[in-house]
Amino acid sequence: MTPLSLLRLPAKARKILGPLAAAAEKRNLPLYVVGGCVRDWLLGRPGVVDLDLLVEGDPSPLAHLAGKMLRGSVEAFGDFGTLRVKGDLWRVDFARAREEKYLEPACLPKVQPSDITRDLFRRDFTINAMALRLDGPDAGAIVDPYNGQDDLKKGILRVLHPASFRDDPTRVFRAARFLCRFDLRPAPGFRGMVKESLDHGVAARLSRHRISQELLRILAEKDPSAPLKRLKAWGYLDLVYPDMPTRTVGKTVEERLGFLAAGMKKRGEDFLRSLPIERGMARHISEALRLIREKASPRTELAPQVVRIVSLVCPHLPPSALKPLVLRGEDLKAAGLKPGPKFKEILQAAARAQWRGN
């Protein structure tokens, strides 16, 4: 593994970062690429489309320049003054260098402006605590005060300080993702710190929103079952939901979450309601769970997302099962039946028969 230089950055990234570096130098604003971008480039993973940029100073001028370059709007993001620019392909976040202080375990920290070294220290793992200088005479230099390159080369996942999981237990969820994604091994003492955060009740203080966000990030991994199994072994999966399964299939987060919910049988709806997720996703999964529970074809056309979830859970359904019910109330009237309670019974029986392929 060799130090990264600006010349070795992916061409598409250089096209964005070059003008920003020139503008930063003109304004005397030290500018860095930080975190996962640097890690992935060092690993030879060029497919980065999310750039995290750090400024020792006010990031607003650079964010607005990026907005013009990418023809996107500049939006405030999160609780710490981050500015986000979204283009057709790229997402670029601009943050001011800061340091953090956790007044209470598992709560969001208090922050204040700082420099690059202190900013990197607030991060989760050494492999994510590296930066690439973009401007000035040091452009292209790797800032690595905590030996992240060495840990990355040796395949080790290491926190920056012993209180890391106490300060922010969501880092345990991220640890499960990174260990599995990059095939790393935990540093000595890692497991003890994970256990301590759980045993002392610190991890249990996490809000449902933060736990839900970590679950969705895991479900976006190439193989989400692997980090879910690791979390179960650590005892953290019960924080998401008691006795939650670890096996999931599907290509999208929505499909995988729906599969997990369906695997919980009668508890699936309660699990779904416990997660503060986007309404459309919740609606699709809830509709899929209802169909699986009732084993009856729908009365109207289903959303494609619902069809995919049900098909994953019930892969051997006949083709007719997820089509709108063939028999309609108008058909019963045409047959000489009068509308009444029997209508509902007949249509429900027909829906169950169509589900079976009859």
Protein backbone atom coordinates (compact mmCIF):
# COMPACT_ATOMS: atom_id res chain seq x y z
CA MET A 1 0.00 0.00 0.00
CA THR A 2 1.56 3.30 -1.08
CA PRO A 3 0.72 6.89 -0.13
CA LEU A 4 -2.03 8.41 -2.19
CA SER A 5 -1.35 11.38 -4.44
CA LEU A 6 -3.69 13.71 -6.25
CA LEU A 7 -2.40 12.36 -9.54
CA ARG A 8 -3.57 8.85 -8.61
CA LEU A 9 -7.09 9.87 -7.72
CA PRO A 10 -9.85 8.65 -10.04
CA ALA A 11 -10.21 11.05 -12.97
CA LYS A 12 -13.84 11.85 -12.19
CA ALA A 13 -12.94 12.78 -8.61
CA ARG A 14 -10.05 14.98 -9.76
CA LYS A 15 -12.44 16.88 -12.02
CA ILE A 16 -14.43 17.93 -8.96
CA LEU A 17 -11.66 18.24 -6.40
CA GLY A 18 -9.23 20.22 -8.57
CA PRO A 19 -11.31 23.45 -8.81
CA LEU A 20 -12.29 23.15 -5.15
CA ALA A 21 -8.64 22.82 -4.12
CA ALA A 22 -7.72 25.91 -6.17
CA ALA A 23 -10.57 27.91 -4.59
CA ALA A 24 -9.58 26.72 -1.10
CA GLU A 25 -5.96 27.78 -1.62
CA LYS A 26 -7.07 31.19 -2.89
CA ARG A 27 -9.21 31.68 0.24
CA ASN A 28 -6.58 30.24 2.59
CA LEU A 29 -8.98 27.47 3.67
CA PRO A 30 -7.15 24.17 4.33
CA LEU A 31 -9.20 21.50 2.53
CA TYR A 32 -9.14 17.72 2.96
CA VAL A 33 -10.88 14.60 1.74
CA VAL A 34 -11.56 12.51 4.85
CA GLY A 35 -12.78 9.14 6.07
CA GLY A 36 -14.14 6.40 3.86
CA CYS A 37 -13.10 8.08 0.60
CA VAL A 38 -9.41 7.91 1.55
CA ARG A 39 -9.76 4.39 2.93
CA ASP A 40 -11.41 3.07 -0.24
CA TRP A 41 -8.91 4.77 -2.57
CA LEU A 42 -6.03 3.26 -0.59
CA LEU A 43 -7.70 -0.13 -0.97
CA GLY A 44 -7.94 0.39 -4.72
CA ARG A 45 -11.71 0.80 -4.72
CA PRO A 46 -12.30 3.57 -7.28
CA GLY A 47 -16.10 3.53 -7.27
CA VAL A 48 -16.50 6.33 -4.71
CA VAL A 49 -19.38 8.71 -5.53
CA ASP A 50 -19.82 10.21 -2.05
CA LEU A 51 -17.10 12.69 -1.11
CA ASP A 52 -16.60 13.87 2.48
CA LEU A 53 -14.66 17.13 2.53
CA LEU A 54 -13.32 18.85 5.62
CA VAL A 55 -12.46 22.54 5.86
CA GLU A 56 -10.46 24.27 8.57
CA GLY A 57 -12.75 27.26 8.43
CA ASP A 58 -16.11 28.18 6.91
CA PRO A 59 -17.08 25.58 4.26
CA SER A 60 -19.89 27.68 2.73
CA PRO A 61 -17.91 29.28 -0.16
CA LEU A 62 -16.59 25.91 -1.31
CA ALA A 63 -19.99 24.24 -0.96
CA HIS A 64 -21.63 26.88 -3.14
CA LEU A 65 -18.87 26.50 -5.74
CA ALA A 66 -19.52 22.75 -5.78
CA GLY A 67 -23.23 23.48 -6.19
CA LYS A 68 -22.50 25.45 -9.36
CA MET A 69 -20.13 22.80 -10.68
CA LEU A 70 -22.55 19.93 -10.07
CA ARG A 71 -25.66 21.98 -10.87
CA GLY A 72 -27.11 21.01 -7.52
CA SER A 73 -28.53 22.83 -4.53
CA VAL A 74 -26.64 23.37 -1.28
CA GLU A 75 -28.54 21.99 1.71
CA ALA A 76 -27.79 21.95 5.42
CA PHE A 77 -27.52 18.36 6.61
CA GLY A 78 -27.52 16.92 10.13
CA ASP A 79 -27.03 18.69 13.44
CA PHE A 80 -23.46 19.89 13.07
CA GLY A 81 -23.51 22.40 10.23
CA THR A 82 -22.63 20.03 7.40
CA LEU A 83 -23.51 21.28 3.91
CA ARG A 84 -24.52 18.74 1.27
CA VAL A 85 -24.43 19.13 -2.50
CA LYS A 86 -26.13 16.53 -4.70
CA GLY A 87 -25.45 16.24 -8.41
CA ASP A 88 -26.64 13.66 -10.92
CA LEU A 89 -23.89 11.25 -9.88
CA TRP A 90 -21.97 12.76 -6.96
CA ARG A 91 -22.88 13.65 -3.41
CA VAL A 92 -20.42 15.98 -1.73
CA ASP A 93 -20.55 16.84 1.99
CA PHE A 94 -18.67 19.84 3.39
CA ALA A 95 -18.00 20.02 7.13
CA ARG A 96 -15.99 22.32 9.34
CA ALA A 97 -13.19 20.68 11.30
CA ARG A 98 -14.41 20.14 14.84
CA GLU A 99 -13.80 18.32 18.07
CA GLU A 100 -16.46 16.58 20.15
CA LYS A 101 -17.22 16.12 23.81
CA TYR A 102 -19.72 13.53 25.02
CA LEU A 103 -21.49 14.86 28.10
CA GLU A 104 -23.56 11.66 28.38
CA PRO A 105 -22.88 8.19 26.93
CA ALA A 106 -24.87 7.26 23.80
CA CYS A 107 -26.04 10.85 23.28
CA LEU A 108 -25.07 13.24 20.54
CA PRO A 109 -21.93 15.21 21.42
CA LYS A 110 -21.25 18.89 21.95
CA VAL A 111 -18.95 20.25 19.25
CA GLN A 112 -16.65 23.20 18.68
CA PRO A 113 -14.37 24.22 15.77
CA SER A 114 -10.92 22.64 15.76
CA ASP A 115 -8.16 21.41 13.45
CA ILE A 116 -7.67 18.34 11.28
CA THR A 117 -5.86 16.24 13.92
CA ARG A 118 -8.56 16.68 16.55
CA ASP A 119 -11.28 16.17 13.97
CA LEU A 120 -9.83 12.82 12.93
CA PHE A 121 -9.63 11.77 16.59
CA ARG A 122 -13.42 12.07 16.95
CA ARG A 123 -13.98 9.37 14.31
CA ASP A 124 -14.86 5.75 14.85
CA PHE A 125 -11.88 3.65 13.68
CA THR A 126 -8.28 4.30 12.68
CA ILE A 127 -8.96 3.18 9.10
CA ASN A 128 -11.54 5.97 8.85
CA ALA A 129 -9.36 8.56 10.59
CA MET A 130 -7.23 9.51 7.59
CA ALA A 131 -7.34 12.57 5.37
CA LEU A 132 -5.91 13.67 2.03
CA ARG A 133 -4.74 17.29 1.81
CA LEU A 134 -6.06 18.95 -1.36
CA ASP A 135 -4.61 22.47 -1.34
CA GLY A 136 -1.29 24.21 -0.90
CA PRO A 137 2.27 22.83 -0.97
CA ASP A 138 1.19 19.72 0.97
CA ALA A 139 -1.46 18.74 -1.61
CA GLY A 140 -1.53 14.98 -2.04
CA ALA A 141 -0.15 14.22 1.42
CA ILE A 142 -1.92 11.71 3.65
CA VAL A 143 -2.71 12.95 7.16
CA ASP A 144 -2.65 9.81 9.29
CA PRO A 145 -1.92 10.64 12.94
CA TYR A 146 -3.41 7.38 14.28
CA ASN A 147 -1.72 4.87 11.95
CA GLY A 148 -4.81 3.97 9.95
CA GLN A 149 -2.73 2.95 6.90
CA ASP A 150 -0.82 0.43 9.00
CA ASP A 151 -4.04 -1.06 10.41
CA LEU A 152 -5.55 -1.18 6.93
CA LYS A 153 -2.48 -2.99 5.58
CA LYS A 154 -2.57 -5.51 8.44
CA GLY A 155 -6.34 -5.99 8.22
CA ILE A 156 -7.10 -4.72 11.73
CA LEU A 157 -10.12 -2.77 12.92
CA ARG A 158 -9.16 -0.57 15.87
CA VAL A 159 -11.02 2.16 17.76
CA LEU A 160 -9.22 5.42 18.53
CA HIS A 161 -9.66 5.32 22.31
CA PRO A 162 -11.04 2.93 24.99
CA ALA A 163 -14.23 4.97 25.58
CA SER A 164 -15.26 4.90 21.92
CA PHE A 165 -18.16 2.43 22.27
CA ARG A 166 -19.28 4.05 25.50
CA ASP A 167 -19.42 7.47 23.84
CA ASP A 168 -21.25 6.18 20.78
CA PRO A 169 -22.52 2.57 20.76
CA THR A 170 -23.65 2.90 17.13
CA ARG A 171 -19.97 2.35 16.38
CA VAL A 172 -20.51 -1.30 17.33
CA PHE A 173 -23.00 -1.61 14.46
CA ARG A 174 -20.52 0.05 12.12
CA ALA A 175 -17.80 -2.28 13.38
CA ALA A 176 -19.88 -5.30 12.34
CA ARG A 177 -20.25 -3.80 8.85
CA PHE A 178 -16.57 -2.99 8.37
CA LEU A 179 -15.26 -6.26 9.79
CA CYS A 180 -17.37 -8.19 7.29
CA ARG A 181 -17.09 -5.84 4.31
CA PHE A 182 -13.30 -5.62 4.38
CA ASP A 183 -12.59 -9.03 5.97
CA LEU A 184 -10.82 -7.44 8.94
CA ARG A 185 -10.08 -8.80 12.40
CA PRO A 186 -10.73 -6.89 15.65
CA ALA A 187 -7.79 -5.34 17.47
CA PRO A 188 -6.85 -6.76 20.90
CA GLY A 189 -9.33 -5.71 23.57
CA PHE A 190 -12.01 -4.92 20.98
CA ARG A 191 -14.49 -7.57 22.11
CA GLY A 192 -14.15 -6.48 25.74
CA MET A 193 -15.08 -2.89 24.89
CA VAL A 194 -18.07 -4.11 22.88
CA LYS A 195 -19.25 -6.21 25.82
CA GLU A 196 -18.70 -3.41 28.32
CA SER A 197 -20.97 -1.01 26.41
CA LEU A 198 -23.73 -3.62 26.40
CA ASP A 199 -23.31 -4.92 29.94
CA HIS A 200 -23.29 -1.43 31.49
CA GLY A 201 -26.54 -0.53 29.72
CA VAL A 202 -24.96 2.20 27.60
CA ALA A 203 -25.96 0.66 24.26
CA ALA A 204 -29.57 0.34 25.48
CA ARG A 205 -29.76 4.15 25.65
CA LEU A 206 -29.63 4.48 21.87
CA SER A 207 -32.74 5.99 20.31
CA ARG A 208 -34.90 3.93 17.96
CA HIS A 209 -34.05 6.36 15.18
CA ARG A 210 -30.31 5.80 15.49
CA ILE A 211 -30.72 2.02 15.76
CA SER A 212 -33.02 2.01 12.74
CA GLN A 213 -30.51 3.98 10.66
CA GLU A 214 -27.75 1.52 11.53
CA LEU A 215 -29.97 -1.43 10.57
CA LEU A 216 -30.75 0.14 7.19
CA ARG A 217 -27.03 0.72 6.55
CA ILE A 218 -26.34 -2.94 7.32
CA LEU A 219 -29.12 -4.01 4.96
CA ALA A 220 -27.43 -1.96 2.22
CA GLU A 221 -24.26 -4.08 2.48
CA LYS A 222 -23.41 -6.64 -0.20
CA ASP A 223 -24.00 -9.46 2.31
CA PRO A 224 -26.05 -8.12 5.24
CA SER A 225 -26.45 -11.52 6.87
CA ALA A 226 -22.77 -11.58 7.88
CA PRO A 227 -22.80 -8.40 10.03
CA LEU A 228 -26.22 -9.36 11.44
CA LYS A 229 -24.77 -12.67 12.62
CA ARG A 230 -21.83 -10.88 14.20
CA LEU A 231 -24.17 -8.48 16.03
CA LYS A 232 -26.19 -11.45 17.26
CA ALA A 233 -23.02 -13.10 18.59
CA TRP A 234 -22.18 -9.86 20.43
CA GLY A 235 -25.70 -9.60 21.88
CA TYR A 236 -26.50 -6.35 20.06
CA LEU A 237 -29.14 -7.64 17.66
CA ASP A 238 -31.71 -7.76 20.46
CA LEU A 239 -31.39 -3.97 20.66
CA VAL A 240 -32.91 -3.87 17.18
CA TYR A 241 -35.61 -6.41 18.06
CA PRO A 242 -35.66 -9.45 20.40
CA ASP A 243 -34.84 -12.77 18.71
CA MET A 244 -34.48 -11.06 15.34
CA PRO A 245 -33.40 -13.42 12.55
CA THR A 246 -30.13 -12.89 10.69
CA ARG A 247 -30.89 -14.46 7.31
CA THR A 248 -32.20 -12.12 4.66
CA VAL A 249 -32.41 -12.16 0.88
CA GLY A 250 -33.20 -9.61 -1.82
CA LYS A 251 -31.37 -6.87 -3.67
CA THR A 252 -32.70 -3.69 -2.05
CA VAL A 253 -32.90 -2.52 1.55
CA GLU A 254 -36.70 -2.59 1.31
CA GLU A 255 -36.79 -6.18 0.07
CA ARG A 256 -34.35 -7.34 2.74
CA LEU A 257 -36.21 -5.57 5.53
CA GLY A 258 -39.48 -7.07 4.30
CA PHE A 259 -37.95 -10.54 4.29
CA LEU A 260 -36.74 -10.07 7.87
CA ALA A 261 -40.18 -8.87 9.00
CA ALA A 262 -41.90 -11.80 7.29
CA GLY A 263 -39.49 -14.20 9.01
CA MET A 264 -40.81 -13.03 12.37
CA LYS A 265 -44.32 -14.33 11.57
CA LYS A 266 -46.88 -12.71 13.89
CA ARG A 267 -44.28 -10.35 15.35
CA GLY A 268 -43.40 -8.91 11.95
CA GLU A 269 -45.87 -6.03 12.08
CA ASP A 270 -44.73 -5.04 15.56
CA PHE A 271 -41.10 -5.13 14.42
CA LEU A 272 -41.97 -2.93 11.45
CA ARG A 273 -43.86 -0.42 13.60
CA SER A 274 -40.91 -0.19 15.97
CA LEU A 275 -38.68 1.22 13.22
CA PRO A 276 -38.95 4.92 12.27
CA ILE A 277 -38.52 4.32 8.54
CA GLU A 278 -39.75 6.11 5.43
CA ARG A 279 -43.54 5.87 5.01
CA GLY A 280 -43.55 4.42 1.53
CA MET A 281 -41.21 1.62 2.55
CA ALA A 282 -43.29 0.85 5.63
CA ARG A 283 -46.48 0.80 3.55
CA HIS A 284 -45.05 -1.63 0.98
CA ILE A 285 -43.71 -4.03 3.61
CA SER A 286 -46.94 -3.89 5.63
CA GLU A 287 -48.99 -4.72 2.51
CA ALA A 288 -46.68 -7.64 1.75
CA LEU A 289 -47.03 -8.97 5.29
CA ARG A 290 -50.83 -8.76 5.06
CA LEU A 291 -50.90 -10.76 1.81
CA ILE A 292 -48.57 -13.41 3.22
CA ARG A 293 -50.67 -13.66 6.37
CA GLU A 294 -54.03 -13.88 4.58
CA LYS A 295 -52.77 -16.07 1.70
CA ALA A 296 -55.22 -14.34 -0.63
CA SER A 297 -54.72 -12.57 -3.96
CA PRO A 298 -55.11 -8.78 -3.95
CA ARG A 299 -58.20 -6.96 -5.21
CA THR A 300 -56.15 -4.36 -7.10
CA GLU A 301 -52.77 -4.07 -8.83
CA LEU A 302 -49.84 -4.34 -6.41
CA ALA A 303 -46.85 -2.01 -6.32
CA PRO A 304 -43.77 -3.73 -7.82
CA GLN A 305 -41.97 -3.49 -4.45
CA VAL A 306 -44.77 -5.45 -2.76
CA VAL A 307 -44.65 -8.14 -5.45
CA ARG A 308 -40.90 -8.56 -5.03
CA ILE A 309 -41.11 -8.89 -1.23
CA VAL A 310 -43.90 -11.48 -1.36
CA SER A 311 -42.10 -13.40 -4.11
CA LEU A 312 -38.93 -13.58 -2.01
CA VAL A 313 -40.82 -14.89 1.01
CA CYS A 314 -43.06 -17.24 -1.02
CA PRO A 315 -40.91 -18.21 -4.03
CA HIS A 316 -43.19 -21.03 -5.22
CA LEU A 317 -46.42 -19.08 -5.65
CA PRO A 318 -48.32 -19.68 -8.91
CA PRO A 319 -48.25 -16.78 -11.42
CA SER A 320 -51.87 -15.88 -10.68
CA ALA A 321 -51.34 -15.39 -6.94
CA LEU A 322 -50.16 -11.79 -7.07
CA LYS A 323 -52.42 -10.67 -9.91
CA PRO A 324 -55.59 -8.67 -9.12
CA LEU A 325 -58.53 -10.90 -8.22
CA VAL A 326 -60.21 -12.14 -11.39
CA LEU A 327 -63.66 -12.43 -9.82
CA ARG A 328 -65.28 -9.05 -9.11
CA GLY A 329 -68.42 -7.84 -7.45
CA GLU A 330 -69.85 -6.98 -10.86
CA ASP A 331 -69.46 -10.63 -11.86
CA LEU A 332 -71.51 -11.73 -8.86
CA LYS A 333 -74.24 -9.22 -9.72
CA ALA A 334 -74.26 -10.45 -13.32
CA ALA A 335 -74.75 -13.97 -11.99
CA GLY A 336 -77.93 -12.81 -10.25
CA LEU A 337 -76.58 -12.49 -6.69
CA LYS A 338 -77.70 -9.57 -4.58
CA PRO A 339 -75.06 -7.49 -2.76
CA GLY A 340 -74.75 -8.45 0.90
CA PRO A 341 -72.52 -10.15 3.50
CA LYS A 342 -72.14 -13.19 1.22
CA PHE A 343 -70.37 -11.03 -1.35
CA LYS A 344 -67.38 -10.55 0.93
CA GLU A 345 -67.24 -14.28 1.79
CA ILE A 346 -67.37 -15.32 -1.85
CA LEU A 347 -64.73 -12.82 -2.96
CA GLN A 348 -62.42 -13.79 -0.09
CA ALA A 349 -62.81 -17.47 -0.94
CA ALA A 350 -62.04 -16.66 -4.57
CA ALA A 351 -58.95 -14.67 -3.54
CA ARG A 352 -57.64 -17.62 -1.51
CA ALA A 353 -58.31 -20.00 -4.37
CA GLN A 354 -56.51 -17.74 -6.85
CA TRP A 355 -53.56 -17.52 -4.41
CA ARG A 356 -53.32 -21.34 -4.66
CA GLY A 357 -53.45 -21.17 -8.45
CA ASN A 358 -57.07 -22.23 -8.90
